[in-house]
Every structure is written in C-alpha cells, then in structure tokens.
Amino acid sequence: MSNVHRHKVVILGSGPAGLTAALYAARANLEPIVIEGDQPGGQLTITTDVENYPGFPDGVMGPEMMEVFRRQAEKFGARCIYGKASEVELAAPPFRVRVGKDTYEADALIISTGATAKTLGIESERRLMGYGVSACATCDGFFFKDKNVVVVGGGDTAMEEALFLTKFAASVRVVHRRGELRASKIMEDRARRNEKIDFVWNTVVDEIVGDTASGGVTAVRLRDVASNEVREMPIDGVFLAIGHRPNTELFADALELDANGYIVTRGKTSQTNIPGVFACGDVQDSSYRQAVTAAGSGCMAAIDAERWLESQHA
C-alpha cells in the first residue's frame, strides 16, 4: 500500500537548478519537497574544483557547493528526500510522483533531473572523473594550462571542446573512432586550421591510465579499430565529448521532448506543454549546461510555478 503525501510544489532533482528552485519556492512559502534522485547534488558532485561560479573567488569543491545550496534551501523550509522517482502521472493536477512505497502529489511539479554525459563505459573513466577526466571543457579547461589533452569524439561538441581547450592547453588531440568527422563542415574547418589540434583517426580509448592519489591521468591506451594495435600515449587530461543524454525517460510519454530528448519549454519561460509542470536546468538546456545557467533557470521555474499556482486560485 502506497503512502500518499500532498504538497504544493514537488521538485525532481537536486542539482543547482533543483535546489535554486527549492530556495525560491521555499521563500514564497510553498514548502517544496525535493526528491533528490540517485545522484544528490547532480553532476557537480563529481566535479572537484569549481572556479567559474560567481561568489567563490577562491573556487569551491563541487560537492561542497551543492551542500551550501542545500543548506540554504532548507533554511527557508525546503525538505530534501533521498530517493528516485520511478513513475509519474502528469495528466492533470495533482500530479503524482512515485518514490519507493511513497506517492507524492503536487499542485505544481518542477522537473530538474539534469542530463548525463555519455561515457566510454570503462572503469578507469569512472575512477578518474574529476581527476583529469572531464565531460565539460568550459568547466575544467582552465586547469589544463600548458598541458597536453585528448578530446574523445567527432561531432560538433567535440570540435567546440577542442577549440575551447586550445585557449589553455599546449596541445589537443582529437581521438575519433571513424576516419572522418561527424561535425559540420564549418566546425571541422575551424578545428583543422588550429595548429594546436591534431587528429587520431580510426581509434578508440581502451583505458585511461593514472590514479587519484598521485595527480590523476598520466596516459591513455589507444586501440586502432582496423588493426587492433594498442599503444599508450602520455597525456595530462581526457575530455569526453560524445554527447549528453537528458534524464527524461520518465516523461517520454507525457511531455513534449525535442529530437534529442530534452524537455521543450515555452518561449522565455520554464513552462512545459502541461500547465503546472515546469522544467529547468540541463534537462531542458542542451546549449549551455553550466551550473550558473542551471541555477538561473531554477529561479525561473520557481517563480513560474508560484505565479501559476496563484492564477489557479484567482
């Protein structure tokens, strides 16, 4: 038998977007509940140093920053509940969210479930994430000043990451499993013209070498897909640029998604195609994917939800 809990606002996800939405909703006396998901704090919890978030001139550890976000939201009355939503019913308010044996009913629902960087699926990649392995050049490129790095991928995202990294790194090698890029012609031309960028074709990363105790990544083990020949390349950092996957599986049948699975929001708002359901952060943002833009959109979602709830009782 399910235990049913009714709330004005339920927020799915506890990254910068979700916790900022919780802060604003709590300050509006909406007593929000945050369902944290299976990665409380979101992607920032696997980021070591955050130096590009305003207000932290000396930088801050990702997990520490998210703990500060959480404390601030809870100070004003938000409640965080550990658990992952397994089912949602969005036909009409109250919206229903199933978490384990509990069901949370919401007059307004804010979705901030984020996105997950696509990975290579190897153990060393998980172990060294944040220690020389990154899925965000904009976030971490600065730490690789005068270093030699690898970008894995062959699409526009990989070219953008490689070009951005040339502002800091001594050299950037793009490792691609095919013999030609998937990137648009203009992005390919820009990358090829940059003297810091070299291409390693028909090659995959079999292993990332290094350990967290002694400085992180030291090399990558590369395998030629045609000959199966394996070689080791000394390197200081590995950037994964094989795309992101928005965490929208739960909403595929209920909400309007774009071709890549991101939630579509209306105009300059956080409103989805279902009145009373709002989306913010990386789950609806395929362009910027930064902590500060996620937090800003979380603010928007909370204000949109507050105004929508007021309109229902006008």
C-alpha atoms as a PDB file:
ATOM      1  CA  MET A   1       0.000   0.000   0.000  1.00  0.00           C
ATOM      2  CA  SER A   2       1.396   3.378  -1.018  1.00  0.00           C
ATOM      3  CA  ASN A   3       1.708   6.259   1.445  1.00  0.00           C
ATOM      4  CA  VAL A   4       0.342   9.439  -0.155  1.00  0.00           C
ATOM      5  CA  HIS A   5       1.813  12.867   0.656  1.00  0.00           C
ATOM      6  CA  ARG A   6       0.302  16.076  -0.745  1.00  0.00           C
ATOM      7  CA  HIS A   7       2.425  19.188  -1.383  1.00  0.00           C
ATOM      8  CA  LYS A   8       2.081  22.469  -3.199  1.00  0.00           C
ATOM      9  CA  VAL A   9       5.362  22.026  -5.063  1.00  0.00           C
ATOM     10  CA  VAL A  10       7.416  18.904  -5.708  1.00  0.00           C
ATOM     11  CA  ILE A  11      10.857  19.257  -7.308  1.00  0.00           C
ATOM     12  CA  LEU A  12      12.533  16.324  -9.039  1.00  0.00           C
ATOM     13  CA  GLY A  13      16.326  16.614  -8.909  1.00  0.00           C
ATOM     14  CA  SER A  14      18.782  18.246  -6.521  1.00  0.00           C
ATOM     15  CA  GLY A  15      21.452  19.861  -8.688  1.00  0.00           C
ATOM     16  CA  PRO A  16      21.900  23.651  -8.999  1.00  0.00           C
ATOM     17  CA  ALA A  17      18.569  24.017 -10.835  1.00  0.00           C
ATOM     18  CA  GLY A  18      16.522  21.943  -8.411  1.00  0.00           C
ATOM     19  CA  LEU A  19      17.997  23.431  -5.238  1.00  0.00           C
ATOM     20  CA  THR A  20      17.700  27.002  -6.533  1.00  0.00           C
ATOM     21  CA  ALA A  21      14.061  26.275  -7.411  1.00  0.00           C
ATOM     22  CA  ALA A  22      13.650  24.910  -3.874  1.00  0.00           C
ATOM     23  CA  LEU A  23      15.190  28.059  -2.360  1.00  0.00           C
ATOM     24  CA  TYR A  24      12.859  30.386  -4.258  1.00  0.00           C
ATOM     25  CA  ALA A  25       9.792  28.217  -3.726  1.00  0.00           C
ATOM     26  CA  ALA A  26      10.538  27.959  -0.005  1.00  0.00           C
ATOM     27  CA  ARG A  27      10.922  31.723   0.306  1.00  0.00           C
ATOM     28  CA  ALA A  28       7.497  32.024  -1.339  1.00  0.00           C
ATOM     29  CA  ASN A  29       6.065  29.833   1.453  1.00  0.00           C
ATOM     30  CA  LEU A  30       5.323  26.994  -0.961  1.00  0.00           C
ATOM     31  CA  GLU A  31       7.034  24.430   1.316  1.00  0.00           C
ATOM     32  CA  PRO A  32       8.640  22.498  -1.531  1.00  0.00           C
ATOM     33  CA  ILE A  33       9.738  18.887  -1.370  1.00  0.00           C
ATOM     34  CA  VAL A  34      12.903  17.953  -3.280  1.00  0.00           C
ATOM     35  CA  ILE A  35      13.219  14.362  -4.482  1.00  0.00           C
ATOM     36  CA  GLU A  36      16.999  14.151  -4.700  1.00  0.00           C
ATOM     37  CA  GLY A  37      17.393  11.406  -7.298  1.00  0.00           C
ATOM     38  CA  ASP A  38      20.121   8.774  -7.417  1.00  0.00           C
ATOM     39  CA  GLN A  39      22.879  11.419  -7.533  1.00  0.00           C
ATOM     40  CA  PRO A  40      22.082  14.006  -4.849  1.00  0.00           C
ATOM     41  CA  GLY A  41      23.668  17.303  -5.860  1.00  0.00           C
ATOM     42  CA  GLY A  42      23.733  16.396  -9.547  1.00  0.00           C
ATOM     43  CA  GLN A  43      26.740  16.409 -11.857  1.00  0.00           C
ATOM     44  CA  LEU A  44      28.659  18.889  -9.685  1.00  0.00           C
ATOM     45  CA  THR A  45      29.195  16.177  -7.096  1.00  0.00           C
ATOM     46  CA  ILE A  46      31.730  14.574  -9.469  1.00  0.00           C
ATOM     47  CA  THR A  47      33.475  17.903 -10.127  1.00  0.00           C
ATOM     48  CA  THR A  48      36.474  18.647  -7.951  1.00  0.00           C
ATOM     49  CA  ASP A  49      37.161  22.383  -8.327  1.00  0.00           C
ATOM     50  CA  VAL A  50      34.526  24.906  -9.427  1.00  0.00           C
ATOM     51  CA  GLU A  51      36.156  28.259 -10.197  1.00  0.00           C
ATOM     52  CA  ASN A  52      33.609  29.836 -12.553  1.00  0.00           C
ATOM     53  CA  TYR A  53      30.615  30.186 -10.224  1.00  0.00           C
ATOM     54  CA  PRO A  54      30.094  33.794  -9.074  1.00  0.00           C
ATOM     55  CA  GLY A  55      30.664  34.390  -5.383  1.00  0.00           C
ATOM     56  CA  PHE A  56      33.506  31.885  -4.924  1.00  0.00           C
ATOM     57  CA  PRO A  57      36.664  33.831  -5.882  1.00  0.00           C
ATOM     58  CA  ASP A  58      38.943  31.131  -4.483  1.00  0.00           C
ATOM     59  CA  GLY A  59      36.983  28.297  -6.071  1.00  0.00           C
ATOM     60  CA  VAL A  60      34.973  25.635  -4.305  1.00  0.00           C
ATOM     61  CA  MET A  61      34.699  21.874  -4.422  1.00  0.00           C
ATOM     62  CA  GLY A  62      31.628  20.754  -6.353  1.00  0.00           C
ATOM     63  CA  PRO A  63      30.136  18.638  -3.528  1.00  0.00           C
ATOM     64  CA  GLU A  64      30.800  21.431  -1.020  1.00  0.00           C
ATOM     65  CA  MET A  65      28.985  23.970  -3.197  1.00  0.00           C
ATOM     66  CA  MET A  66      25.960  21.729  -3.540  1.00  0.00           C
ATOM     67  CA  GLU A  67      25.877  21.235   0.229  1.00  0.00           C
ATOM     68  CA  VAL A  68      25.799  25.038   0.611  1.00  0.00           C
ATOM     69  CA  PHE A  69      22.904  25.202  -1.891  1.00  0.00           C
ATOM     70  CA  ARG A  70      21.042  22.535   0.041  1.00  0.00           C
ATOM     71  CA  ARG A  71      21.545  24.174   3.453  1.00  0.00           C
ATOM     72  CA  GLN A  72      20.299  27.497   2.116  1.00  0.00           C
ATOM     73  CA  ALA A  73      17.155  25.935   0.624  1.00  0.00           C
ATOM     74  CA  GLU A  74      16.458  24.006   3.843  1.00  0.00           C
ATOM     75  CA  LYS A  75      16.947  27.154   5.930  1.00  0.00           C
ATOM     76  CA  PHE A  76      13.808  28.597   4.338  1.00  0.00           C
ATOM     77  CA  GLY A  77      11.718  25.453   4.683  1.00  0.00           C
ATOM     78  CA  ALA A  78      12.505  23.206   1.730  1.00  0.00           C
ATOM     79  CA  ARG A  79      12.716  19.489   2.527  1.00  0.00           C
ATOM     80  CA  CYS A  80      15.050  17.119   0.695  1.00  0.00           C
ATOM     81  CA  ILE A  81      14.135  13.457   0.454  1.00  0.00           C
ATOM     82  CA  TYR A  82      16.583  10.838  -0.744  1.00  0.00           C
ATOM     83  CA  GLY A  83      15.057   8.643  -3.407  1.00  0.00           C
ATOM     84  CA  LYS A  84      14.436   8.327  -7.113  1.00  0.00           C
ATOM     85  CA  ALA A  85      11.104   8.753  -8.877  1.00  0.00           C
ATOM     86  CA  SER A  86      10.054   5.533 -10.571  1.00  0.00           C
ATOM     87  CA  GLU A  87       6.744   6.675 -12.056  1.00  0.00           C
ATOM     88  CA  VAL A  88       4.902   9.927 -12.739  1.00  0.00           C
ATOM     89  CA  GLU A  89       1.279  10.752 -13.588  1.00  0.00           C
ATOM     90  CA  LEU A  90       1.012  14.124 -15.313  1.00  0.00           C
ATOM     91  CA  ALA A  91      -2.452  14.038 -16.877  1.00  0.00           C
ATOM     92  CA  ALA A  92      -3.816  16.749 -14.553  1.00  0.00           C
ATOM     93  CA  PRO A  93      -3.148  18.265 -11.124  1.00  0.00           C
ATOM     94  CA  PRO A  94      -2.484  16.967  -8.595  1.00  0.00           C
ATOM     95  CA  PHE A  95       0.495  15.439 -10.361  1.00  0.00           C
ATOM     96  CA  ARG A  96       1.658  12.168  -8.832  1.00  0.00           C
ATOM     97  CA  VAL A  97       5.258  11.022  -8.319  1.00  0.00           C
ATOM     98  CA  ARG A  98       6.059   7.527  -7.088  1.00  0.00           C
ATOM     99  CA  VAL A  99       9.198   7.118  -4.958  1.00  0.00           C
ATOM    100  CA  GLY A 100       9.611   3.650  -3.495  1.00  0.00           C
ATOM    101  CA  LYS A 101       6.487   2.908  -1.458  1.00  0.00           C
ATOM    102  CA  ASP A 102       5.527   6.584  -1.265  1.00  0.00           C
ATOM    103  CA  THR A 103       3.456   8.691  -3.625  1.00  0.00           C
ATOM    104  CA  TYR A 104       3.909  12.466  -3.651  1.00  0.00           C
ATOM    105  CA  GLU A 105       1.068  14.561  -5.002  1.00  0.00           C
ATOM    106  CA  ALA A 106       1.928  18.039  -6.273  1.00  0.00           C
ATOM    107  CA  ASP A 107      -0.174  21.026  -7.236  1.00  0.00           C
ATOM    108  CA  ALA A 108       2.838  22.123  -9.315  1.00  0.00           C
ATOM    109  CA  LEU A 109       5.771  19.993 -10.427  1.00  0.00           C
ATOM    110  CA  ILE A 110       9.280  21.235 -11.252  1.00  0.00           C
ATOM    111  CA  ILE A 111      11.477  18.841 -13.210  1.00  0.00           C
ATOM    112  CA  SER A 112      15.234  19.345 -12.824  1.00  0.00           C
ATOM    113  CA  THR A 113      16.510  15.825 -13.362  1.00  0.00           C
ATOM    114  CA  GLY A 114      19.522  17.035 -15.363  1.00  0.00           C
ATOM    115  CA  ALA A 115      21.482  15.295 -18.058  1.00  0.00           C
ATOM    116  CA  THR A 116      24.133  12.623 -18.008  1.00  0.00           C
ATOM    117  CA  ALA A 117      27.304  12.817 -20.056  1.00  0.00           C
ATOM    118  CA  LYS A 118      27.649   9.843 -22.340  1.00  0.00           C
ATOM    119  CA  THR A 119      30.713   7.897 -21.325  1.00  0.00           C
ATOM    120  CA  LEU A 120      33.026   5.249 -22.690  1.00  0.00           C
ATOM    121  CA  GLY A 121      31.858   2.737 -20.109  1.00  0.00           C
ATOM    122  CA  ILE A 122      35.285   1.797 -18.761  1.00  0.00           C
ATOM    123  CA  GLU A 123      36.185   1.516 -15.074  1.00  0.00           C
ATOM    124  CA  SER A 124      39.176   3.885 -15.216  1.00  0.00           C
ATOM    125  CA  GLU A 125      36.970   6.622 -16.645  1.00  0.00           C
ATOM    126  CA  ARG A 126      34.648   6.498 -13.621  1.00  0.00           C
ATOM    127  CA  ARG A 127      37.538   6.284 -11.180  1.00  0.00           C
ATOM    128  CA  LEU A 128      39.386   9.286 -12.668  1.00  0.00           C
ATOM    129  CA  MET A 129      36.371  11.522 -13.302  1.00  0.00           C
ATOM    130  CA  GLY A 130      37.338  14.874 -11.804  1.00  0.00           C
ATOM    131  CA  TYR A 131      40.995  13.802 -11.654  1.00  0.00           C
ATOM    132  CA  GLY A 132      41.980  14.535 -15.239  1.00  0.00           C
ATOM    133  CA  VAL A 133      38.841  13.111 -16.852  1.00  0.00           C
ATOM    134  CA  SER A 134      36.100  15.641 -17.632  1.00  0.00           C
ATOM    135  CA  ALA A 135      32.951  15.928 -19.703  1.00  0.00           C
ATOM    136  CA  CYS A 136      32.992  19.734 -19.758  1.00  0.00           C
ATOM    137  CA  ALA A 137      35.821  21.787 -21.275  1.00  0.00           C
ATOM    138  CA  THR A 138      34.123  25.059 -20.320  1.00  0.00           C
ATOM    139  CA  CYS A 139      34.081  23.922 -16.689  1.00  0.00           C
ATOM    140  CA  ASP A 140      37.553  22.427 -16.425  1.00  0.00           C
ATOM    141  CA  GLY A 141      39.695  23.672 -19.344  1.00  0.00           C
ATOM    142  CA  PHE A 142      41.435  26.302 -17.218  1.00  0.00           C
ATOM    143  CA  PHE A 143      43.064  23.579 -15.080  1.00  0.00           C
ATOM    144  CA  PHE A 144      44.950  22.272 -18.129  1.00  0.00           C
ATOM    145  CA  LYS A 145      47.013  25.350 -18.882  1.00  0.00           C
ATOM    146  CA  ASP A 146      50.092  24.322 -20.930  1.00  0.00           C
ATOM    147  CA  LYS A 147      49.099  20.648 -20.630  1.00  0.00           C
ATOM    148  CA  ASN A 148      48.537  18.034 -23.311  1.00  0.00           C
ATOM    149  CA  VAL A 149      44.966  16.761 -23.559  1.00  0.00           C
ATOM    150  CA  VAL A 150      42.797  14.378 -25.533  1.00  0.00           C
ATOM    151  CA  VAL A 151      39.245  15.041 -26.720  1.00  0.00           C
ATOM    152  CA  VAL A 152      37.197  11.936 -27.483  1.00  0.00           C
ATOM    153  CA  GLY A 153      34.502  12.400 -30.135  1.00  0.00           C
ATOM    154  CA  GLY A 154      33.893  13.531 -33.690  1.00  0.00           C
ATOM    155  CA  GLY A 155      30.814  15.759 -33.685  1.00  0.00           C
ATOM    156  CA  ASP A 156      30.269  19.480 -33.286  1.00  0.00           C
ATOM    157  CA  THR A 157      30.503  19.189 -29.496  1.00  0.00           C
ATOM    158  CA  ALA A 158      33.940  17.593 -29.777  1.00  0.00           C
ATOM    159  CA  MET A 159      35.143  20.350 -32.120  1.00  0.00           C
ATOM    160  CA  GLU A 160      33.780  23.050 -29.808  1.00  0.00           C
ATOM    161  CA  GLU A 161      35.505  21.427 -26.818  1.00  0.00           C
ATOM    162  CA  ALA A 162      38.787  21.019 -28.722  1.00  0.00           C
ATOM    163  CA  LEU A 163      38.777  24.626 -29.925  1.00  0.00           C
ATOM    164  CA  PHE A 164      37.950  25.919 -26.451  1.00  0.00           C
ATOM    165  CA  LEU A 165      40.767  23.867 -24.931  1.00  0.00           C
ATOM    166  CA  THR A 166      43.341  25.420 -27.281  1.00  0.00           C
ATOM    167  CA  LYS A 167      42.988  28.611 -25.214  1.00  0.00           C
ATOM    168  CA  PHE A 168      44.734  26.794 -22.365  1.00  0.00           C
ATOM    169  CA  ALA A 169      46.326  23.512 -23.426  1.00  0.00           C
ATOM    170  CA  ALA A 170      49.674  23.145 -25.162  1.00  0.00           C
ATOM    171  CA  SER A 171      48.210  20.538 -27.495  1.00  0.00           C
ATOM    172  CA  VAL A 172      44.825  18.917 -28.172  1.00  0.00           C
ATOM    173  CA  ARG A 173      44.493  15.529 -29.830  1.00  0.00           C
ATOM    174  CA  VAL A 174      41.035  14.583 -31.093  1.00  0.00           C
ATOM    175  CA  VAL A 175      40.547  10.812 -30.912  1.00  0.00           C
ATOM    176  CA  HIS A 176      37.775   9.577 -33.201  1.00  0.00           C
ATOM    177  CA  ARG A 177      36.666   6.030 -33.909  1.00  0.00           C
ATOM    178  CA  ARG A 178      35.995   6.768 -37.591  1.00  0.00           C
ATOM    179  CA  GLY A 179      38.112   8.065 -40.459  1.00  0.00           C
ATOM    180  CA  GLU A 180      36.068  11.230 -40.860  1.00  0.00           C
ATOM    181  CA  LEU A 181      34.242  13.606 -38.546  1.00  0.00           C
ATOM    182  CA  ARG A 182      30.511  13.834 -37.965  1.00  0.00           C
ATOM    183  CA  ALA A 183      30.890  17.551 -37.251  1.00  0.00           C
ATOM    184  CA  SER A 184      29.514  20.254 -39.513  1.00  0.00           C
ATOM    185  CA  LYS A 185      31.871  21.484 -42.240  1.00  0.00           C
ATOM    186  CA  ILE A 186      32.365  24.874 -40.616  1.00  0.00           C
ATOM    187  CA  MET A 187      33.341  23.353 -37.262  1.00  0.00           C
ATOM    188  CA  GLU A 188      35.648  20.839 -38.917  1.00  0.00           C
ATOM    189  CA  ASP A 189      37.377  23.590 -40.889  1.00  0.00           C
ATOM    190  CA  ARG A 190      37.933  25.665 -37.754  1.00  0.00           C
ATOM    191  CA  ALA A 191      39.460  22.706 -35.929  1.00  0.00           C
ATOM    192  CA  ARG A 192      41.693  21.711 -38.841  1.00  0.00           C
ATOM    193  CA  ARG A 193      43.007  25.270 -39.144  1.00  0.00           C
ATOM    194  CA  ASN A 194      44.021  25.384 -35.493  1.00  0.00           C
ATOM    195  CA  GLU A 195      47.694  24.468 -35.210  1.00  0.00           C
ATOM    196  CA  LYS A 196      47.260  23.117 -31.684  1.00  0.00           C
ATOM    197  CA  ILE A 197      44.773  20.428 -32.790  1.00  0.00           C
ATOM    198  CA  ASP A 198      45.789  17.057 -34.224  1.00  0.00           C
ATOM    199  CA  PHE A 199      43.516  14.141 -35.160  1.00  0.00           C
ATOM    200  CA  VAL A 200      43.917  10.488 -34.275  1.00  0.00           C
ATOM    201  CA  TRP A 201      41.663   8.574 -36.693  1.00  0.00           C
ATOM    202  CA  ASN A 202      40.021   5.140 -36.512  1.00  0.00           C
ATOM    203  CA  THR A 203      40.972   4.877 -32.868  1.00  0.00           C
ATOM    204  CA  VAL A 204      39.207   4.267 -29.562  1.00  0.00           C
ATOM    205  CA  VAL A 205      40.273   4.730 -25.947  1.00  0.00           C
ATOM    206  CA  ASP A 206      40.605   1.321 -24.305  1.00  0.00           C
ATOM    207  CA  GLU A 207      41.924   2.524 -20.977  1.00  0.00           C
ATOM    208  CA  ILE A 208      42.773   5.726 -19.103  1.00  0.00           C
ATOM    209  CA  VAL A 209      45.962   5.394 -17.068  1.00  0.00           C
ATOM    210  CA  GLY A 210      46.519   7.152 -13.755  1.00  0.00           C
ATOM    211  CA  ASP A 211      45.373   7.247 -10.135  1.00  0.00           C
ATOM    212  CA  THR A 212      43.666   9.762  -7.889  1.00  0.00           C
ATOM    213  CA  ALA A 213      46.429   9.755  -5.273  1.00  0.00           C
ATOM    214  CA  SER A 214      49.268  10.969  -7.497  1.00  0.00           C
ATOM    215  CA  GLY A 215      47.804  13.667  -9.711  1.00  0.00           C
ATOM    216  CA  GLY A 216      45.310  11.828 -11.868  1.00  0.00           C
ATOM    217  CA  VAL A 217      45.609  10.994 -15.568  1.00  0.00           C
ATOM    218  CA  THR A 218      49.052  10.186 -16.981  1.00  0.00           C
ATOM    219  CA  ALA A 219      48.253   8.412 -20.269  1.00  0.00           C
ATOM    220  CA  VAL A 220      45.608   6.834 -22.481  1.00  0.00           C
ATOM    221  CA  ARG A 221      45.727   3.392 -24.033  1.00  0.00           C
ATOM    222  CA  LEU A 222      44.562   3.687 -27.643  1.00  0.00           C
ATOM    223  CA  ARG A 223      43.439   0.895 -29.954  1.00  0.00           C
ATOM    224  CA  ASP A 224      43.357   1.103 -33.749  1.00  0.00           C
ATOM    225  CA  VAL A 225      39.927  -0.236 -34.770  1.00  0.00           C
ATOM    226  CA  ALA A 226      41.273  -1.698 -38.036  1.00  0.00           C
ATOM    227  CA  SER A 227      44.468  -3.413 -36.897  1.00  0.00           C
ATOM    228  CA  ASN A 228      43.613  -3.787 -33.164  1.00  0.00           C
ATOM    229  CA  GLU A 229      47.102  -2.458 -32.449  1.00  0.00           C
ATOM    230  CA  VAL A 230      47.299  -0.939 -28.952  1.00  0.00           C
ATOM    231  CA  ARG A 231      49.620   1.886 -27.980  1.00  0.00           C
ATOM    232  CA  GLU A 232      49.981   4.142 -24.966  1.00  0.00           C
ATOM    233  CA  MET A 233      50.008   7.923 -25.307  1.00  0.00           C
ATOM    234  CA  PRO A 234      51.261  10.092 -22.412  1.00  0.00           C
ATOM    235  CA  ILE A 235      48.605  12.725 -21.684  1.00  0.00           C
ATOM    236  CA  ASP A 236      47.513  15.041 -18.871  1.00  0.00           C
ATOM    237  CA  GLY A 237      43.766  15.110 -19.402  1.00  0.00           C
ATOM    238  CA  VAL A 238      40.889  13.402 -21.198  1.00  0.00           C
ATOM    239  CA  PHE A 239      37.748  15.269 -22.252  1.00  0.00           C
ATOM    240  CA  LEU A 240      34.716  13.209 -23.203  1.00  0.00           C
ATOM    241  CA  ALA A 241      32.705  14.870 -25.961  1.00  0.00           C
ATOM    242  CA  ILE A 242      30.427  12.118 -27.174  1.00  0.00           C
ATOM    243  CA  GLY A 243      27.272  13.910 -26.140  1.00  0.00           C
ATOM    244  CA  HIS A 244      24.862  14.213 -23.225  1.00  0.00           C
ATOM    245  CA  ARG A 245      21.680  12.318 -22.556  1.00  0.00           C
ATOM    246  CA  PRO A 246      18.907  14.235 -20.761  1.00  0.00           C
ATOM    247  CA  ASN A 247      17.339  12.275 -17.932  1.00  0.00           C
ATOM    248  CA  THR A 248      13.837  12.297 -19.405  1.00  0.00           C
ATOM    249  CA  GLU A 249      12.981   8.588 -19.628  1.00  0.00           C
ATOM    250  CA  LEU A 250      10.178   9.028 -17.070  1.00  0.00           C
ATOM    251  CA  PHE A 251       8.499  11.748 -19.102  1.00  0.00           C
ATOM    252  CA  ALA A 252       8.772  10.398 -22.648  1.00  0.00           C
ATOM    253  CA  ASP A 253       5.056   9.604 -22.930  1.00  0.00           C
ATOM    254  CA  ALA A 254       3.795  12.689 -21.119  1.00  0.00           C
ATOM    255  CA  LEU A 255       5.902  15.720 -22.036  1.00  0.00           C
ATOM    256  CA  GLU A 256       6.953  17.232 -25.336  1.00  0.00           C
ATOM    257  CA  LEU A 257      10.623  16.426 -25.978  1.00  0.00           C
ATOM    258  CA  ASP A 258      12.890  17.623 -28.778  1.00  0.00           C
ATOM    259  CA  ALA A 259      14.697  15.314 -31.193  1.00  0.00           C
ATOM    260  CA  ASN A 260      17.493  14.733 -28.658  1.00  0.00           C
ATOM    261  CA  GLY A 261      15.177  14.027 -25.742  1.00  0.00           C
ATOM    262  CA  TYR A 262      15.360  17.408 -23.969  1.00  0.00           C
ATOM    263  CA  ILE A 263      12.147  18.793 -22.470  1.00  0.00           C
ATOM    264  CA  VAL A 264      10.685  21.576 -24.604  1.00  0.00           C
ATOM    265  CA  THR A 265       9.738  24.719 -22.667  1.00  0.00           C
ATOM    266  CA  ARG A 266       7.528  27.556 -23.861  1.00  0.00           C
ATOM    267  CA  GLY A 267       9.109  30.820 -25.036  1.00  0.00           C
ATOM    268  CA  LYS A 268      11.172  32.503 -22.345  1.00  0.00           C
ATOM    269  CA  THR A 269       9.516  30.508 -19.552  1.00  0.00           C
ATOM    270  CA  SER A 270      10.061  27.154 -17.881  1.00  0.00           C
ATOM    271  CA  GLN A 271       6.514  26.011 -18.705  1.00  0.00           C
ATOM    272  CA  THR A 272       6.205  22.629 -20.435  1.00  0.00           C
ATOM    273  CA  ASN A 273       3.319  21.531 -22.646  1.00  0.00           C
ATOM    274  CA  ILE A 274       1.402  20.527 -19.491  1.00  0.00           C
ATOM    275  CA  PRO A 275       0.152  23.502 -17.429  1.00  0.00           C
ATOM    276  CA  GLY A 276       1.579  23.297 -13.930  1.00  0.00           C
ATOM    277  CA  VAL A 277       4.618  21.246 -14.936  1.00  0.00           C
ATOM    278  CA  PHE A 278       7.872  23.193 -15.278  1.00  0.00           C
ATOM    279  CA  ALA A 279      11.395  22.199 -16.350  1.00  0.00           C
ATOM    280  CA  CYS A 280      14.761  23.784 -15.603  1.00  0.00           C
ATOM    281  CA  GLY A 281      18.467  23.056 -15.798  1.00  0.00           C
ATOM    282  CA  ASP A 282      20.204  20.575 -18.065  1.00  0.00           C
ATOM    283  CA  VAL A 283      17.065  18.503 -18.599  1.00  0.00           C
ATOM    284  CA  GLN A 284      15.848  21.268 -20.933  1.00  0.00           C
ATOM    285  CA  ASP A 285      19.103  23.059 -21.806  1.00  0.00           C
ATOM    286  CA  SER A 286      21.238  21.447 -24.496  1.00  0.00           C
ATOM    287  CA  SER A 287      23.229  24.632 -25.220  1.00  0.00           C
ATOM    288  CA  TYR A 288      24.946  25.949 -22.091  1.00  0.00           C
ATOM    289  CA  ARG A 289      24.949  23.201 -19.432  1.00  0.00           C
ATOM    290  CA  GLN A 290      26.598  25.374 -16.774  1.00  0.00           C
ATOM    291  CA  ALA A 291      25.883  25.439 -13.053  1.00  0.00           C
ATOM    292  CA  VAL A 292      25.116  29.161 -13.139  1.00  0.00           C
ATOM    293  CA  THR A 293      22.635  28.899 -16.028  1.00  0.00           C
ATOM    294  CA  ALA A 294      21.008  25.888 -14.371  1.00  0.00           C
ATOM    295  CA  ALA A 295      20.595  27.868 -11.152  1.00  0.00           C
ATOM    296  CA  GLY A 296      19.117  30.798 -13.082  1.00  0.00           C
ATOM    297  CA  SER A 297      16.574  28.564 -14.771  1.00  0.00           C
ATOM    298  CA  GLY A 298      15.723  27.032 -11.383  1.00  0.00           C
ATOM    299  CA  CYS A 299      14.843  30.515 -10.170  1.00  0.00           C
ATOM    300  CA  MET A 300      12.648  30.989 -13.253  1.00  0.00           C
ATOM    301  CA  ALA A 301      10.849  27.681 -12.661  1.00  0.00           C
ATOM    302  CA  ALA A 302      10.043  28.516  -9.047  1.00  0.00           C
ATOM    303  CA  ILE A 303       8.683  31.952  -9.987  1.00  0.00           C
ATOM    304  CA  ASP A 304       6.692  30.448 -12.876  1.00  0.00           C
ATOM    305  CA  ALA A 305       5.257  27.802 -10.533  1.00  0.00           C
ATOM    306  CA  GLU A 306       4.353  30.392  -7.896  1.00  0.00           C
ATOM    307  CA  ARG A 307       2.567  32.584 -10.462  1.00  0.00           C
ATOM    308  CA  TRP A 308       0.773  29.598 -11.952  1.00  0.00           C
ATOM    309  CA  LEU A 309      -0.461  28.438  -8.555  1.00  0.00           C
ATOM    310  CA  GLU A 310      -1.724  31.953  -7.797  1.00  0.00           C
ATOM    311  CA  SER A 311      -3.581  32.024 -11.099  1.00  0.00           C
ATOM    312  CA  GLN A 312      -5.394  28.807 -10.189  1.00  0.00           C
ATOM    313  CA  HIS A 313      -6.869  30.425  -7.099  1.00  0.00           C
ATOM    314  CA  ALA A 314      -7.576  33.848  -8.577  1.00  0.00           C
END
